[in-house]
Amino acid sequence: MSRDVNIAIISGVVDNTPNVVTTRNNKRICLFNIRNIEKYRLADGRPAQHVNFLTVEALGRNVDKCLQEFHVGERVQIHGYLRVDDVNGVEKVRIRALHLEKE
């Protein structure tokens, strides 16, 4: 019997300063956005691009790593679970980080 697998590896540029929030259970979560650019060619051969923005959610030991090591404009790679939430009819995509590193 097979299981579903939800592991994503995303690389991009830190788009805002990481911010820490504390839950009601006193757990810290570091939130920041990354952007990456998807480049492709149109049917007529002209180059085009699409910019993706993703919210990264880091917990546990990754909170301090985000605060100390990640700054706006730096390239990073995130390994984690992809999450899609419906917020008032709008899909919000985020990634819950398991591993973070600078590129």
N, C-alpha and C. Protein backbone atom coordinates (compact mmCIF):
# COMPACT_ATOMS: atom_id res chain seq x y z
N MET A 1 0.85 -1.17 0.00
CA MET A 1 0.00 0.00 0.00
C MET A 1 0.90 1.24 0.00
N SER A 2 0.64 2.17 -0.89
CA SER A 2 1.46 3.38 -0.98
C SER A 2 0.89 4.49 -0.11
N ARG A 3 1.79 5.40 0.26
CA ARG A 3 1.39 6.56 1.06
C ARG A 3 1.63 7.81 0.24
N ASP A 4 0.89 8.85 0.57
CA ASP A 4 1.13 10.15 -0.05
C ASP A 4 2.41 10.74 0.52
N VAL A 5 3.14 11.47 -0.31
CA VAL A 5 4.36 12.13 0.12
C VAL A 5 4.21 13.62 -0.17
N ASN A 6 4.51 14.44 0.82
CA ASN A 6 4.41 15.88 0.66
C ASN A 6 5.72 16.50 1.13
N ILE A 7 6.70 16.51 0.26
CA ILE A 7 7.98 17.13 0.55
C ILE A 7 8.28 18.08 -0.60
N ALA A 8 8.60 19.31 -0.27
CA ALA A 8 8.93 20.31 -1.29
C ALA A 8 10.31 20.88 -1.01
N ILE A 9 11.05 21.17 -2.08
CA ILE A 9 12.32 21.87 -1.97
C ILE A 9 12.17 23.13 -2.81
N ILE A 10 12.25 24.27 -2.15
CA ILE A 10 12.05 25.55 -2.81
C ILE A 10 13.29 26.40 -2.60
N SER A 11 13.81 26.98 -3.67
CA SER A 11 14.89 27.94 -3.51
C SER A 11 14.40 29.28 -4.02
N GLY A 12 14.88 30.32 -3.37
CA GLY A 12 14.46 31.65 -3.74
C GLY A 12 15.19 32.69 -2.92
N VAL A 13 14.66 33.89 -2.91
CA VAL A 13 15.28 35.03 -2.25
C VAL A 13 14.39 35.46 -1.08
N VAL A 14 15.01 35.71 0.07
CA VAL A 14 14.26 36.19 1.24
C VAL A 14 13.67 37.56 0.88
N ASP A 15 12.36 37.70 1.04
CA ASP A 15 11.65 38.90 0.60
C ASP A 15 11.36 39.89 1.73
N ASN A 16 11.36 39.42 2.98
CA ASN A 16 11.13 40.32 4.11
C ASN A 16 11.88 39.82 5.33
N THR A 17 12.06 40.67 6.31
CA THR A 17 12.76 40.30 7.53
C THR A 17 11.96 39.26 8.30
N PRO A 18 12.60 38.14 8.68
CA PRO A 18 11.88 37.12 9.46
C PRO A 18 11.31 37.71 10.74
N ASN A 19 10.09 37.28 11.07
CA ASN A 19 9.35 37.80 12.21
C ASN A 19 8.90 36.62 13.06
N VAL A 20 9.04 36.74 14.38
CA VAL A 20 8.63 35.66 15.27
C VAL A 20 7.31 35.99 15.94
N VAL A 21 6.41 35.00 15.91
CA VAL A 21 5.15 35.10 16.65
C VAL A 21 5.12 33.96 17.66
N THR A 22 4.40 34.16 18.74
CA THR A 22 4.28 33.13 19.77
C THR A 22 2.83 32.67 19.83
N THR A 23 2.64 31.35 19.83
CA THR A 23 1.29 30.79 19.87
C THR A 23 0.75 30.84 21.30
N ARG A 24 -0.50 30.48 21.46
CA ARG A 24 -1.11 30.42 22.79
C ARG A 24 -0.43 29.37 23.67
N ASN A 25 0.20 28.38 23.03
CA ASN A 25 0.90 27.33 23.76
C ASN A 25 2.37 27.67 24.01
N ASN A 26 2.73 28.94 23.82
CA ASN A 26 4.09 29.44 24.03
C ASN A 26 5.11 28.83 23.07
N LYS A 27 4.69 28.43 21.88
CA LYS A 27 5.61 27.95 20.86
C LYS A 27 5.92 29.10 19.91
N ARG A 28 7.19 29.23 19.57
CA ARG A 28 7.60 30.29 18.66
C ARG A 28 7.56 29.79 17.22
N ILE A 29 7.08 30.67 16.34
CA ILE A 29 7.05 30.38 14.90
C ILE A 29 7.69 31.57 14.20
N CYS A 30 8.64 31.29 13.33
CA CYS A 30 9.27 32.34 12.55
C CYS A 30 8.62 32.35 11.17
N LEU A 31 8.15 33.51 10.76
CA LEU A 31 7.48 33.66 9.48
C LEU A 31 8.27 34.64 8.60
N PHE A 32 8.44 34.28 7.34
CA PHE A 32 9.02 35.19 6.36
C PHE A 32 8.60 34.72 4.97
N ASN A 33 8.79 35.58 4.00
CA ASN A 33 8.41 35.26 2.63
C ASN A 33 9.65 35.08 1.77
N ILE A 34 9.53 34.17 0.80
CA ILE A 34 10.56 34.07 -0.22
C ILE A 34 9.88 34.25 -1.57
N ARG A 35 10.67 34.67 -2.53
CA ARG A 35 10.16 34.79 -3.89
C ARG A 35 11.10 34.04 -4.81
N ASN A 36 10.52 33.41 -5.81
CA ASN A 36 11.35 32.81 -6.84
C ASN A 36 10.72 33.08 -8.19
N ILE A 37 11.56 33.05 -9.20
CA ILE A 37 11.11 33.42 -10.54
C ILE A 37 11.10 32.20 -11.43
N GLU A 38 9.97 31.97 -12.04
CA GLU A 38 9.80 30.88 -12.99
C GLU A 38 9.92 31.48 -14.39
N LYS A 39 10.96 31.09 -15.11
CA LYS A 39 11.17 31.62 -16.46
C LYS A 39 10.73 30.58 -17.48
N TYR A 40 10.10 31.06 -18.55
CA TYR A 40 9.63 30.16 -19.59
C TYR A 40 9.51 30.93 -20.90
N ARG A 41 9.15 30.25 -21.96
CA ARG A 41 8.95 30.89 -23.27
C ARG A 41 7.49 30.77 -23.69
N LEU A 42 6.99 31.84 -24.27
CA LEU A 42 5.63 31.85 -24.81
C LEU A 42 5.60 31.03 -26.09
N ALA A 43 4.41 30.75 -26.58
CA ALA A 43 4.26 29.96 -27.81
C ALA A 43 5.00 30.58 -28.99
N ASP A 44 5.11 31.92 -29.02
CA ASP A 44 5.80 32.58 -30.12
C ASP A 44 7.31 32.70 -29.89
N GLY A 45 7.81 32.11 -28.80
CA GLY A 45 9.25 32.10 -28.54
C GLY A 45 9.77 33.22 -27.67
N ARG A 46 8.92 34.20 -27.35
CA ARG A 46 9.36 35.30 -26.50
C ARG A 46 9.53 34.82 -25.05
N PRO A 47 10.57 35.34 -24.36
CA PRO A 47 10.75 34.95 -22.96
C PRO A 47 9.70 35.62 -22.07
N ALA A 48 9.33 34.91 -21.02
CA ALA A 48 8.37 35.43 -20.04
C ALA A 48 8.77 34.90 -18.67
N GLN A 49 8.20 35.49 -17.64
CA GLN A 49 8.48 35.02 -16.29
C GLN A 49 7.29 35.24 -15.39
N HIS A 50 7.24 34.44 -14.34
CA HIS A 50 6.22 34.57 -13.31
C HIS A 50 6.92 34.55 -11.96
N VAL A 51 6.59 35.50 -11.09
CA VAL A 51 7.20 35.57 -9.76
C VAL A 51 6.25 34.90 -8.77
N ASN A 52 6.77 33.92 -8.04
CA ASN A 52 6.02 33.22 -7.01
C ASN A 52 6.43 33.76 -5.65
N PHE A 53 5.46 33.98 -4.76
CA PHE A 53 5.73 34.39 -3.39
C PHE A 53 5.19 33.30 -2.47
N LEU A 54 6.03 32.83 -1.55
CA LEU A 54 5.64 31.79 -0.61
C LEU A 54 5.95 32.23 0.81
N THR A 55 5.04 31.93 1.71
CA THR A 55 5.28 32.18 3.13
C THR A 55 5.97 30.95 3.70
N VAL A 56 7.04 31.18 4.43
CA VAL A 56 7.78 30.10 5.10
C VAL A 56 7.46 30.17 6.58
N GLU A 57 7.20 29.01 7.15
CA GLU A 57 6.86 28.88 8.56
C GLU A 57 7.91 27.94 9.18
N ALA A 58 8.73 28.46 10.09
CA ALA A 58 9.78 27.66 10.72
C ALA A 58 9.50 27.52 12.21
N LEU A 59 9.70 26.32 12.72
CA LEU A 59 9.44 26.03 14.13
C LEU A 59 10.68 25.46 14.80
N GLY A 60 10.64 25.33 16.11
CA GLY A 60 11.71 24.67 16.85
C GLY A 60 13.06 25.35 16.67
N ARG A 61 14.09 24.52 16.45
CA ARG A 61 15.46 25.04 16.32
C ARG A 61 15.64 25.91 15.10
N ASN A 62 14.73 25.81 14.13
CA ASN A 62 14.82 26.62 12.91
C ASN A 62 14.48 28.09 13.14
N VAL A 63 13.78 28.40 14.25
CA VAL A 63 13.42 29.79 14.54
C VAL A 63 14.67 30.63 14.72
N ASP A 64 15.57 30.18 15.58
CA ASP A 64 16.79 30.95 15.83
C ASP A 64 17.67 31.02 14.58
N LYS A 65 17.71 29.95 13.82
CA LYS A 65 18.50 29.94 12.59
C LYS A 65 17.99 31.01 11.63
N CYS A 66 16.68 31.12 11.48
CA CYS A 66 16.09 32.14 10.60
C CYS A 66 16.48 33.55 11.06
N LEU A 67 16.33 33.80 12.35
CA LEU A 67 16.60 35.13 12.88
C LEU A 67 18.06 35.52 12.74
N GLN A 68 18.96 34.57 12.92
CA GLN A 68 20.39 34.87 12.89
C GLN A 68 20.98 34.90 11.49
N GLU A 69 20.50 34.02 10.62
CA GLU A 69 21.19 33.81 9.35
C GLU A 69 20.49 34.36 8.11
N PHE A 70 19.19 34.58 8.16
CA PHE A 70 18.47 34.95 6.94
C PHE A 70 18.15 36.44 6.92
N HIS A 71 18.55 37.09 5.82
CA HIS A 71 18.33 38.52 5.66
C HIS A 71 17.73 38.79 4.28
N VAL A 72 17.03 39.90 4.17
CA VAL A 72 16.38 40.28 2.92
C VAL A 72 17.40 40.28 1.78
N GLY A 73 17.02 39.68 0.67
CA GLY A 73 17.86 39.65 -0.52
C GLY A 73 18.78 38.45 -0.64
N GLU A 74 18.89 37.64 0.42
CA GLU A 74 19.77 36.47 0.37
C GLU A 74 19.05 35.28 -0.25
N ARG A 75 19.83 34.47 -0.98
CA ARG A 75 19.28 33.25 -1.58
C ARG A 75 19.26 32.15 -0.54
N VAL A 76 18.14 31.44 -0.46
CA VAL A 76 17.97 30.36 0.51
C VAL A 76 17.32 29.16 -0.17
N GLN A 77 17.47 28.03 0.49
CA GLN A 77 16.78 26.81 0.05
C GLN A 77 16.02 26.26 1.24
N ILE A 78 14.75 25.95 1.02
CA ILE A 78 13.86 25.47 2.07
C ILE A 78 13.39 24.06 1.71
N HIS A 79 13.52 23.13 2.65
CA HIS A 79 12.97 21.78 2.49
C HIS A 79 11.82 21.68 3.49
N GLY A 80 10.65 21.28 3.03
CA GLY A 80 9.55 21.21 3.98
C GLY A 80 8.28 20.69 3.37
N TYR A 81 7.21 20.85 4.12
CA TYR A 81 5.87 20.42 3.71
C TYR A 81 5.15 21.58 3.05
N LEU A 82 4.56 21.34 1.91
CA LEU A 82 3.77 22.36 1.22
C LEU A 82 2.36 22.35 1.78
N ARG A 83 1.86 23.52 2.12
CA ARG A 83 0.50 23.66 2.65
C ARG A 83 -0.28 24.66 1.80
N VAL A 84 -1.51 24.34 1.51
CA VAL A 84 -2.40 25.26 0.81
C VAL A 84 -3.65 25.42 1.66
N ASP A 85 -3.92 26.65 2.09
CA ASP A 85 -5.08 26.95 2.92
C ASP A 85 -6.04 27.84 2.15
N ASP A 86 -7.32 27.64 2.39
CA ASP A 86 -8.34 28.49 1.81
C ASP A 86 -8.73 29.53 2.86
N VAL A 87 -8.37 30.78 2.60
CA VAL A 87 -8.69 31.87 3.52
C VAL A 87 -9.69 32.80 2.83
N ASN A 88 -10.95 32.70 3.24
CA ASN A 88 -12.03 33.51 2.65
C ASN A 88 -12.08 33.37 1.13
N GLY A 89 -11.93 32.15 0.65
CA GLY A 89 -12.03 31.89 -0.78
C GLY A 89 -10.75 32.15 -1.56
N VAL A 90 -9.67 32.52 -0.88
CA VAL A 90 -8.39 32.77 -1.54
C VAL A 90 -7.39 31.73 -1.08
N GLU A 91 -6.73 31.07 -2.04
CA GLU A 91 -5.72 30.07 -1.67
C GLU A 91 -4.44 30.75 -1.21
N LYS A 92 -3.96 30.35 -0.05
CA LYS A 92 -2.69 30.85 0.50
C LYS A 92 -1.74 29.66 0.56
N VAL A 93 -0.59 29.81 -0.10
CA VAL A 93 0.40 28.74 -0.15
C VAL A 93 1.52 29.07 0.83
N ARG A 94 1.92 28.08 1.63
CA ARG A 94 3.03 28.26 2.55
C ARG A 94 3.80 26.95 2.63
N ILE A 95 5.00 27.05 3.15
CA ILE A 95 5.81 25.86 3.33
C ILE A 95 6.27 25.81 4.78
N ARG A 96 6.02 24.69 5.43
CA ARG A 96 6.47 24.49 6.81
C ARG A 96 7.85 23.85 6.74
N ALA A 97 8.86 24.61 7.16
CA ALA A 97 10.25 24.23 6.97
C ALA A 97 10.69 23.10 7.89
N LEU A 98 11.34 22.11 7.29
CA LEU A 98 12.03 21.06 8.04
C LEU A 98 13.52 21.36 8.11
N HIS A 99 14.04 21.92 7.02
CA HIS A 99 15.45 22.23 6.92
C HIS A 99 15.60 23.52 6.12
N LEU A 100 16.46 24.42 6.59
CA LEU A 100 16.71 25.70 5.90
C LEU A 100 18.21 25.87 5.72
N GLU A 101 18.59 26.43 4.58
CA GLU A 101 20.01 26.71 4.37
C GLU A 101 20.19 27.85 3.38
N LYS A 102 21.32 28.54 3.49
CA LYS A 102 21.67 29.56 2.52
C LYS A 102 22.23 28.86 1.29
N GLU A 103 22.05 29.49 0.13
CA GLU A 103 22.62 28.92 -1.10
C GLU A 103 23.96 29.53 -1.37
